[in-house]
Amino acid sequence: MRAFEDRIGHSFARPELLLRALTHASVSSPNRKDNQRLEFLGDRVLGLVMSTALLEHDKTATEGQLAPRFNALVRKEACADVAREIDLGSVLKLGRSEMMSGGRRKEALLGDAMEAVIAAVYKDAGFEAAQEMILRLWGSRIGKVEDDARDPKTALQEYVQARRQNPPAYVQVAREGPDHQPIFTIAVRLDDGTEEQASAGSKRQAEQAAAKALLTRLEQDT
């Protein structure tokens, strides 16, 4: 675990907290607690740190501007991205079924474990230690969050509704790869037949990518 502690920049005085943060429910037992309660706490710690950071980063932003930026920084995808950067998956404690189904790469498991690690640091050394780790690991994401906060599906829907068109339809057109690492292809279609497709490891990511591609095309054509 020492190498992982080096990656997150925190040495645990109570290493049992880190072990619990890395223990998935699939391998828990009466004598071995999983990370679900820590995940709950870590989500709240992350939220407080990001709320404070956003207010300090842009002192003129309105609540309406801050809310989507906040969501972009704390959503599961962002937590999973940070988890991948520190190779959290390699130290996760998983049951055999989860390991066989690619659990170390699953976005939900990585995001949940990242939140649990945040809580473990908070309980081990207090809020300031957790805040320091979060700000270091999230790094430049805070400064460029305006770009990440624009949700493509929402932006596309607003675009077509402003032109009195029906909301876009999302259709799964293909699913490839093994069960533990599927690739979904999603098409987004408008009433007039305009369409774009995109592929990703989750339906949500594929929908977002397809919406972004279609929105870019529509904006270029106007």
C-alpha atoms as a PDB file:
ATOM      1  CA  MET A   1       0.000   0.000   0.000  1.00  0.00           C
ATOM      2  CA  ARG A   2       2.973   2.301   0.423  1.00  0.00           C
ATOM      3  CA  ALA A   3       3.178   2.956  -3.306  1.00  0.00           C
ATOM      4  CA  PHE A   4      -0.499   3.906  -3.403  1.00  0.00           C
ATOM      5  CA  GLU A   5      -0.065   6.209  -0.413  1.00  0.00           C
ATOM      6  CA  ASP A   6       2.751   7.897  -2.325  1.00  0.00           C
ATOM      7  CA  ARG A   7       0.451   8.360  -5.320  1.00  0.00           C
ATOM      8  CA  ILE A   8      -2.243  10.085  -3.267  1.00  0.00           C
ATOM      9  CA  GLY A   9       0.271  11.991  -1.163  1.00  0.00           C
ATOM     10  CA  HIS A  10      -0.913  10.783   2.235  1.00  0.00           C
ATOM     11  CA  SER A  11       0.638   8.318   4.672  1.00  0.00           C
ATOM     12  CA  PHE A  12      -1.991   6.768   6.919  1.00  0.00           C
ATOM     13  CA  ALA A  13      -1.579   6.736  10.693  1.00  0.00           C
ATOM     14  CA  ARG A  14      -4.511   4.290  10.686  1.00  0.00           C
ATOM     15  CA  PRO A  15      -3.914   2.041   7.661  1.00  0.00           C
ATOM     16  CA  GLU A  16      -7.092   0.084   8.421  1.00  0.00           C
ATOM     17  CA  LEU A  17      -9.031   3.082   7.105  1.00  0.00           C
ATOM     18  CA  LEU A  18      -7.348   2.806   3.727  1.00  0.00           C
ATOM     19  CA  LEU A  19      -7.936  -0.947   3.640  1.00  0.00           C
ATOM     20  CA  ARG A  20     -11.630  -0.401   4.294  1.00  0.00           C
ATOM     21  CA  ALA A  21     -11.826   2.316   1.622  1.00  0.00           C
ATOM     22  CA  LEU A  22     -10.458  -0.134  -0.914  1.00  0.00           C
ATOM     23  CA  THR A  23     -12.736  -3.035   0.051  1.00  0.00           C
ATOM     24  CA  HIS A  24     -15.700  -3.563  -2.266  1.00  0.00           C
ATOM     25  CA  ALA A  25     -18.946  -5.071  -0.985  1.00  0.00           C
ATOM     26  CA  SER A  26     -18.294  -8.203  -3.083  1.00  0.00           C
ATOM     27  CA  VAL A  27     -15.499  -9.231  -0.722  1.00  0.00           C
ATOM     28  CA  SER A  28     -16.822  -7.914   2.599  1.00  0.00           C
ATOM     29  CA  SER A  29     -17.653 -10.155   5.563  1.00  0.00           C
ATOM     30  CA  PRO A  30     -18.815  -9.724   9.179  1.00  0.00           C
ATOM     31  CA  ASN A  31     -15.177  -9.167  10.108  1.00  0.00           C
ATOM     32  CA  ARG A  32     -14.271  -7.130   7.034  1.00  0.00           C
ATOM     33  CA  LYS A  33     -16.275  -3.971   6.402  1.00  0.00           C
ATOM     34  CA  ASP A  34     -16.771  -2.616   2.891  1.00  0.00           C
ATOM     35  CA  ASN A  35     -16.326   0.944   1.688  1.00  0.00           C
ATOM     36  CA  GLN A  36     -19.964   1.989   1.256  1.00  0.00           C
ATOM     37  CA  ARG A  37     -20.243   4.132   4.399  1.00  0.00           C
ATOM     38  CA  LEU A  38     -16.919   5.792   3.626  1.00  0.00           C
ATOM     39  CA  GLU A  39     -18.143   6.456   0.084  1.00  0.00           C
ATOM     40  CA  PHE A  40     -21.169   8.290   1.521  1.00  0.00           C
ATOM     41  CA  LEU A  41     -18.937  10.479   3.685  1.00  0.00           C
ATOM     42  CA  GLY A  42     -16.338  11.068   0.988  1.00  0.00           C
ATOM     43  CA  ASP A  43     -18.963  12.372  -1.414  1.00  0.00           C
ATOM     44  CA  ARG A  44     -19.850  15.076   1.124  1.00  0.00           C
ATOM     45  CA  VAL A  45     -16.230  15.996   1.823  1.00  0.00           C
ATOM     46  CA  LEU A  46     -15.536  16.274  -1.902  1.00  0.00           C
ATOM     47  CA  GLY A  47     -18.612  18.462  -2.319  1.00  0.00           C
ATOM     48  CA  LEU A  48     -17.504  20.892   0.388  1.00  0.00           C
ATOM     49  CA  VAL A  49     -13.977  21.126  -1.010  1.00  0.00           C
ATOM     50  CA  MET A  50     -15.208  21.756  -4.548  1.00  0.00           C
ATOM     51  CA  SER A  51     -17.832  24.288  -3.462  1.00  0.00           C
ATOM     52  CA  THR A  52     -15.144  26.269  -1.650  1.00  0.00           C
ATOM     53  CA  ALA A  53     -12.654  25.956  -4.511  1.00  0.00           C
ATOM     54  CA  LEU A  54     -15.185  27.166  -7.090  1.00  0.00           C
ATOM     55  CA  LEU A  55     -16.142  30.198  -5.017  1.00  0.00           C
ATOM     56  CA  GLU A  56     -12.477  31.124  -4.643  1.00  0.00           C
ATOM     57  CA  HIS A  57     -11.685  30.466  -8.310  1.00  0.00           C
ATOM     58  CA  ASP A  58     -14.424  32.742  -9.660  1.00  0.00           C
ATOM     59  CA  LYS A  59     -15.596  35.369  -7.199  1.00  0.00           C
ATOM     60  CA  THR A  60     -18.183  36.810  -9.619  1.00  0.00           C
ATOM     61  CA  ALA A  61     -19.923  33.605 -10.724  1.00  0.00           C
ATOM     62  CA  THR A  62     -23.621  33.255 -10.023  1.00  0.00           C
ATOM     63  CA  GLU A  63     -25.248  30.213  -8.426  1.00  0.00           C
ATOM     64  CA  GLY A  64     -26.569  29.271 -11.840  1.00  0.00           C
ATOM     65  CA  GLN A  65     -23.027  29.246 -13.225  1.00  0.00           C
ATOM     66  CA  LEU A  66     -21.525  27.471 -10.223  1.00  0.00           C
ATOM     67  CA  ALA A  67     -23.996  24.575 -10.071  1.00  0.00           C
ATOM     68  CA  PRO A  68     -23.057  22.892 -13.394  1.00  0.00           C
ATOM     69  CA  ARG A  69     -19.368  23.432 -12.698  1.00  0.00           C
ATOM     70  CA  PHE A  70     -19.788  21.781  -9.319  1.00  0.00           C
ATOM     71  CA  ASN A  71     -21.621  18.839 -10.854  1.00  0.00           C
ATOM     72  CA  ALA A  72     -18.866  18.387 -13.443  1.00  0.00           C
ATOM     73  CA  LEU A  73     -16.208  18.167 -10.727  1.00  0.00           C
ATOM     74  CA  VAL A  74     -17.968  15.786  -8.328  1.00  0.00           C
ATOM     75  CA  ARG A  75     -19.835  13.457 -10.691  1.00  0.00           C
ATOM     76  CA  LYS A  76     -18.882   9.805 -10.786  1.00  0.00           C
ATOM     77  CA  GLU A  77     -17.060  10.128 -14.104  1.00  0.00           C
ATOM     78  CA  ALA A  78     -14.721  12.781 -12.693  1.00  0.00           C
ATOM     79  CA  CYS A  79     -13.983  10.681  -9.615  1.00  0.00           C
ATOM     80  CA  ALA A  80     -13.302   7.654 -11.814  1.00  0.00           C
ATOM     81  CA  ASP A  81     -10.941   9.660 -14.036  1.00  0.00           C
ATOM     82  CA  VAL A  82      -8.906  10.691 -10.992  1.00  0.00           C
ATOM     83  CA  ALA A  83      -8.955   7.086  -9.756  1.00  0.00           C
ATOM     84  CA  ARG A  84      -7.497   5.904 -13.059  1.00  0.00           C
ATOM     85  CA  GLU A  85      -4.718   8.493 -12.889  1.00  0.00           C
ATOM     86  CA  ILE A  86      -3.583   7.145  -9.513  1.00  0.00           C
ATOM     87  CA  ASP A  87      -4.143   3.521 -10.583  1.00  0.00           C
ATOM     88  CA  LEU A  88      -6.638   2.940  -7.805  1.00  0.00           C
ATOM     89  CA  GLY A  89      -8.038  -0.105  -9.604  1.00  0.00           C
ATOM     90  CA  SER A  90      -4.850  -2.060  -9.026  1.00  0.00           C
ATOM     91  CA  VAL A  91      -5.308  -1.975  -5.230  1.00  0.00           C
ATOM     92  CA  LEU A  92      -9.079  -2.544  -5.029  1.00  0.00           C
ATOM     93  CA  LYS A  93     -10.153  -5.539  -2.964  1.00  0.00           C
ATOM     94  CA  LEU A  94     -12.791  -7.344  -5.049  1.00  0.00           C
ATOM     95  CA  GLY A  95     -14.658 -10.613  -4.961  1.00  0.00           C
ATOM     96  CA  ARG A  96     -13.905 -13.165  -7.650  1.00  0.00           C
ATOM     97  CA  SER A  97     -17.044 -12.405  -9.659  1.00  0.00           C
ATOM     98  CA  GLU A  98     -16.232  -8.699  -9.788  1.00  0.00           C
ATOM     99  CA  MET A  99     -12.639  -9.374 -10.743  1.00  0.00           C
ATOM    100  CA  MET A 100     -13.723 -11.722 -13.540  1.00  0.00           C
ATOM    101  CA  SER A 101     -16.163  -9.119 -14.877  1.00  0.00           C
ATOM    102  CA  GLY A 102     -13.521  -6.383 -15.093  1.00  0.00           C
ATOM    103  CA  GLY A 103     -14.354  -4.646 -11.818  1.00  0.00           C
ATOM    104  CA  ARG A 104     -10.991  -2.897 -11.618  1.00  0.00           C
ATOM    105  CA  ARG A 105     -11.937  -0.910 -14.721  1.00  0.00           C
ATOM    106  CA  LYS A 106     -15.601  -0.230 -13.956  1.00  0.00           C
ATOM    107  CA  GLU A 107     -16.384   3.458 -13.712  1.00  0.00           C
ATOM    108  CA  ALA A 108     -18.883   3.109 -10.869  1.00  0.00           C
ATOM    109  CA  LEU A 109     -16.524   1.023  -8.720  1.00  0.00           C
ATOM    110  CA  LEU A 110     -13.604   3.368  -9.314  1.00  0.00           C
ATOM    111  CA  GLY A 111     -15.673   6.469  -8.589  1.00  0.00           C
ATOM    112  CA  ASP A 112     -17.102   4.988  -5.404  1.00  0.00           C
ATOM    113  CA  ALA A 113     -13.671   3.879  -4.188  1.00  0.00           C
ATOM    114  CA  MET A 114     -12.205   7.318  -4.889  1.00  0.00           C
ATOM    115  CA  GLU A 115     -14.861   8.887  -2.676  1.00  0.00           C
ATOM    116  CA  ALA A 116     -14.139   6.287   0.005  1.00  0.00           C
ATOM    117  CA  VAL A 117     -10.412   7.102  -0.103  1.00  0.00           C
ATOM    118  CA  ILE A 118     -11.253  10.776   0.398  1.00  0.00           C
ATOM    119  CA  ALA A 119     -13.270   9.873   3.492  1.00  0.00           C
ATOM    120  CA  ALA A 120     -10.466   7.653   4.778  1.00  0.00           C
ATOM    121  CA  VAL A 121      -7.993  10.550   4.568  1.00  0.00           C
ATOM    122  CA  TYR A 122     -10.534  12.832   6.253  1.00  0.00           C
ATOM    123  CA  LYS A 123     -11.042  10.403   9.146  1.00  0.00           C
ATOM    124  CA  ASP A 124      -7.309   9.719   9.411  1.00  0.00           C
ATOM    125  CA  ALA A 125      -6.006  13.281   9.414  1.00  0.00           C
ATOM    126  CA  GLY A 126      -8.884  15.772   9.246  1.00  0.00           C
ATOM    127  CA  PHE A 127     -10.458  18.087   6.711  1.00  0.00           C
ATOM    128  CA  GLU A 128      -7.346  20.028   5.723  1.00  0.00           C
ATOM    129  CA  ALA A 129      -5.484  16.848   4.773  1.00  0.00           C
ATOM    130  CA  ALA A 130      -8.423  15.665   2.679  1.00  0.00           C
ATOM    131  CA  GLN A 131      -8.762  19.088   1.072  1.00  0.00           C
ATOM    132  CA  GLU A 132      -5.071  19.203   0.173  1.00  0.00           C
ATOM    133  CA  MET A 133      -5.229  15.767  -1.427  1.00  0.00           C
ATOM    134  CA  ILE A 134      -8.389  16.557  -3.399  1.00  0.00           C
ATOM    135  CA  LEU A 135      -7.072  19.845  -4.763  1.00  0.00           C
ATOM    136  CA  ARG A 136      -3.813  18.188  -5.770  1.00  0.00           C
ATOM    137  CA  LEU A 137      -5.452  15.215  -7.481  1.00  0.00           C
ATOM    138  CA  TRP A 138      -8.176  17.225  -9.233  1.00  0.00           C
ATOM    139  CA  GLY A 139      -5.530  19.757 -10.266  1.00  0.00           C
ATOM    140  CA  SER A 140      -6.267  21.686 -13.459  1.00  0.00           C
ATOM    141  CA  ARG A 141      -9.825  20.342 -13.653  1.00  0.00           C
ATOM    142  CA  ILE A 142     -10.977  23.187 -11.414  1.00  0.00           C
ATOM    143  CA  GLY A 143      -9.498  25.869 -13.649  1.00  0.00           C
ATOM    144  CA  LYS A 144     -10.964  24.467 -16.853  1.00  0.00           C
ATOM    145  CA  VAL A 145     -14.285  23.315 -15.444  1.00  0.00           C
ATOM    146  CA  GLU A 146     -16.272  25.825 -17.507  1.00  0.00           C
ATOM    147  CA  ASP A 147     -15.569  23.666 -20.562  1.00  0.00           C
ATOM    148  CA  ASP A 148     -16.450  20.407 -18.783  1.00  0.00           C
ATOM    149  CA  ALA A 149     -19.632  21.796 -17.232  1.00  0.00           C
ATOM    150  CA  ARG A 150     -21.481  22.143 -20.499  1.00  0.00           C
ATOM    151  CA  ASP A 151     -23.501  18.962 -20.693  1.00  0.00           C
ATOM    152  CA  PRO A 152     -23.849  18.082 -24.417  1.00  0.00           C
ATOM    153  CA  LYS A 153     -27.233  16.364 -24.077  1.00  0.00           C
ATOM    154  CA  THR A 154     -28.726  19.332 -22.259  1.00  0.00           C
ATOM    155  CA  ALA A 155     -27.150  21.800 -24.672  1.00  0.00           C
ATOM    156  CA  LEU A 156     -28.482  19.867 -27.684  1.00  0.00           C
ATOM    157  CA  GLN A 157     -31.980  19.695 -26.242  1.00  0.00           C
ATOM    158  CA  GLU A 158     -31.968  23.431 -25.543  1.00  0.00           C
ATOM    159  CA  TYR A 159     -30.737  24.062 -29.094  1.00  0.00           C
ATOM    160  CA  VAL A 160     -33.530  22.111 -30.787  1.00  0.00           C
ATOM    161  CA  GLN A 161     -36.256  23.315 -28.440  1.00  0.00           C
ATOM    162  CA  ALA A 162     -35.270  26.918 -29.120  1.00  0.00           C
ATOM    163  CA  ARG A 163     -36.066  26.141 -32.762  1.00  0.00           C
ATOM    164  CA  ARG A 164     -39.430  24.571 -31.822  1.00  0.00           C
ATOM    165  CA  GLN A 165     -38.317  21.044 -32.644  1.00  0.00           C
ATOM    166  CA  ASN A 166     -39.008  17.882 -30.664  1.00  0.00           C
ATOM    167  CA  PRO A 167     -36.321  16.632 -28.263  1.00  0.00           C
ATOM    168  CA  PRO A 168     -33.653  14.402 -29.855  1.00  0.00           C
ATOM    169  CA  ALA A 169     -34.040  10.626 -29.679  1.00  0.00           C
ATOM    170  CA  TYR A 170     -31.222   8.339 -28.531  1.00  0.00           C
ATOM    171  CA  VAL A 171     -31.085   4.807 -29.949  1.00  0.00           C
ATOM    172  CA  GLN A 172     -28.595   2.039 -29.255  1.00  0.00           C
ATOM    173  CA  VAL A 173     -27.506   0.738 -32.650  1.00  0.00           C
ATOM    174  CA  ALA A 174     -24.749  -1.672 -31.607  1.00  0.00           C
ATOM    175  CA  ARG A 175     -23.119  -3.389 -28.642  1.00  0.00           C
ATOM    176  CA  GLU A 176     -19.753  -5.057 -29.069  1.00  0.00           C
ATOM    177  CA  GLY A 177     -17.029  -6.573 -26.949  1.00  0.00           C
ATOM    178  CA  PRO A 178     -17.141  -8.949 -23.961  1.00  0.00           C
ATOM    179  CA  ASP A 179     -19.659  -8.529 -21.161  1.00  0.00           C
ATOM    180  CA  HIS A 180     -17.050  -7.154 -18.777  1.00  0.00           C
ATOM    181  CA  GLN A 181     -15.850  -4.510 -21.255  1.00  0.00           C
ATOM    182  CA  PRO A 182     -18.684  -3.644 -23.657  1.00  0.00           C
ATOM    183  CA  ILE A 183     -18.638  -0.909 -26.277  1.00  0.00           C
ATOM    184  CA  PHE A 184     -21.952   0.794 -26.983  1.00  0.00           C
ATOM    185  CA  THR A 185     -22.763   2.695 -30.161  1.00  0.00           C
ATOM    186  CA  ILE A 186     -25.536   5.252 -29.773  1.00  0.00           C
ATOM    187  CA  ALA A 187     -27.255   7.295 -32.468  1.00  0.00           C
ATOM    188  CA  VAL A 188     -28.913  10.609 -31.694  1.00  0.00           C
ATOM    189  CA  ARG A 189     -31.610  11.588 -34.193  1.00  0.00           C
ATOM    190  CA  LEU A 190     -33.752  14.622 -34.891  1.00  0.00           C
ATOM    191  CA  ASP A 191     -37.200  14.667 -36.490  1.00  0.00           C
ATOM    192  CA  ASP A 192     -35.761  15.849 -39.804  1.00  0.00           C
ATOM    193  CA  GLY A 193     -33.497  12.791 -40.010  1.00  0.00           C
ATOM    194  CA  THR A 194     -30.275  14.513 -38.971  1.00  0.00           C
ATOM    195  CA  GLU A 195     -28.160  12.003 -37.056  1.00  0.00           C
ATOM    196  CA  GLU A 196     -24.782  11.434 -35.465  1.00  0.00           C
ATOM    197  CA  GLN A 197     -23.323   8.327 -33.816  1.00  0.00           C
ATOM    198  CA  ALA A 198     -20.674   7.716 -31.183  1.00  0.00           C
ATOM    199  CA  SER A 199     -19.212   4.748 -29.317  1.00  0.00           C
ATOM    200  CA  ALA A 200     -18.013   4.467 -25.719  1.00  0.00           C
ATOM    201  CA  GLY A 201     -17.694   2.081 -22.807  1.00  0.00           C
ATOM    202  CA  SER A 202     -21.014   3.153 -21.282  1.00  0.00           C
ATOM    203  CA  LYS A 203     -24.341   4.178 -22.768  1.00  0.00           C
ATOM    204  CA  ARG A 204     -24.196   7.536 -21.011  1.00  0.00           C
ATOM    205  CA  GLN A 205     -20.769   8.376 -22.395  1.00  0.00           C
ATOM    206  CA  ALA A 206     -21.829   7.325 -25.893  1.00  0.00           C
ATOM    207  CA  GLU A 207     -24.976   9.457 -25.677  1.00  0.00           C
ATOM    208  CA  GLN A 208     -22.962  12.470 -24.530  1.00  0.00           C
ATOM    209  CA  ALA A 209     -20.415  11.999 -27.312  1.00  0.00           C
ATOM    210  CA  ALA A 210     -23.129  11.619 -29.962  1.00  0.00           C
ATOM    211  CA  ALA A 211     -24.941  14.705 -28.684  1.00  0.00           C
ATOM    212  CA  LYS A 212     -21.711  16.706 -28.764  1.00  0.00           C
ATOM    213  CA  ALA A 213     -20.991  15.619 -32.346  1.00  0.00           C
ATOM    214  CA  LEU A 214     -24.497  16.533 -33.509  1.00  0.00           C
ATOM    215  CA  LEU A 215     -24.489  19.873 -31.700  1.00  0.00           C
ATOM    216  CA  THR A 216     -21.130  20.765 -33.251  1.00  0.00           C
ATOM    217  CA  ARG A 217     -22.468  19.879 -36.693  1.00  0.00           C
ATOM    218  CA  LEU A 218     -25.643  21.940 -36.224  1.00  0.00           C
ATOM    219  CA  GLU A 219     -23.736  24.972 -34.956  1.00  0.00           C
ATOM    220  CA  GLN A 220     -21.319  24.795 -37.907  1.00  0.00           C
ATOM    221  CA  ASP A 221     -24.198  24.636 -40.372  1.00  0.00           C
ATOM    222  CA  THR A 222     -25.888  27.763 -39.017  1.00  0.00           C
END
